[in-house]
Amino acid sequence: MAGLPGTSRLNIPEAISNPLGAVPVRVYGPLRSSEWNLGAWTYGTHLTFSRQRISSATTHGGPVTDFVTRAVWRSRYDECGILSLPQSKTELRKTLRKTRREHVAAQSDAIRALLFHRPPAPLLAKIGHDAVIGLYSAAASEAPAGGYAQFFQEAGHTIALPAFTAANAPMTFREHTDPFGSGDLEMGPFDIAQPGADAREILPDVLFVPLVGFTASGERLGQGGGHYDRWLTEHPGRMAIGLAWDAQLCDTLPTEPHDIVLDAVVTPTRMYGIS
C-alpha cells in the first residue's frame, strides 16, 4: 500500500486543539513553512506538546497554513522515536500502552465525547457510497470506533467487525447490524465484542484499524498478533486507515517486511496521509 504523502488538520472541533490546557514554557528559533519547534508546552511529568506548521491543509479546497498540536510522551529512560527506541517491540508496546492509558485518563469526559464521530471530509471523499466498512470494537484505551460505525451505517454503508472462532483461528469479518445498541455482539476469545456466529461473513472494502503506535509515514505497531497484517496481505487493494490518539505518534518504529503501511491515520487533531 502507498505511504502517507502528507498531513492535514480537518474537521476538528476547535475546543480540542489544545485539550489539556497546556502552558507555553519556551520558544525556539524562527519557523519556516515545514519546520518543527515553534514552541513547546508541558503537561505533567513526562508529556511535552510541540507545534508543527502545516502548509497545505484545507477543508474547502484552498491552501491554508495552520499549527497543530503534537503530543510527545516521555519516559524516564527512553522517548518513543525522539531519543531512542526500546530494545524490542515487546518493550516498546509496553511503553506505548502506558502512554496511551495516561493520555486517555487525562482527558475530561466532555472532551472525549467530541472525538471520533465523523471521519474527515477528504477521507470520506475517497470512500465509495457502497463500500463495506470494516471497524473494530475498541479495547481498553484504544481510540474508539463506535461513533464511526454509527456514522457509516446512517450513511447507508454495511458495517463489519473482526471475528474469531478461537484464539488461534484466522481473523474474519462479520456484519455488524446494531452499532447503536450492540445487541448483535457477543464476547469473542480475546474478550472483545464481536458479531455472533450467525452473523453474515463479509469482506470490508475500507478497513479502520486500532494500533499501539504509528509514524507520520503510516508505519503501524499493532498488538503483536499480526492479524491485520495477514488479513490485508491476503486481501490486497483495501484501504487501511488507523485510528489513534495523538500521543501514539512516534518518529520511527521497528518494522519487518510483512508489516503493512497504512494509507492514512486519523487522530483527534490531525489526519496523516490524505489531503
Foldseek 3Di string as FASTA:
>chain_A
DAWFPWKAFFPFDPCVQPQLPWDWDDADDDDDQFDWTRTWTDDPDFKIKTKGWDFAYDQPPGTDIDIGIFIWGGDPPGTFQPRDAPPDLVVNLVVLVVLLLVVQVSGDPVVLVRPQQDDGPLVVVVDDLAFEEEEEQDDDRWNHNLNVVVVSVVSPYWYWYWADPEPPGAIFIFTDDCSPPLPQWDQHNVRGTHGDPPTHTDDGQEYEDIASAAELGQFTHHPPPCRVLVVCVVPDNHAYEYEGASNRYHNDDDDDPSGDGHCWYDYSGMITRGD
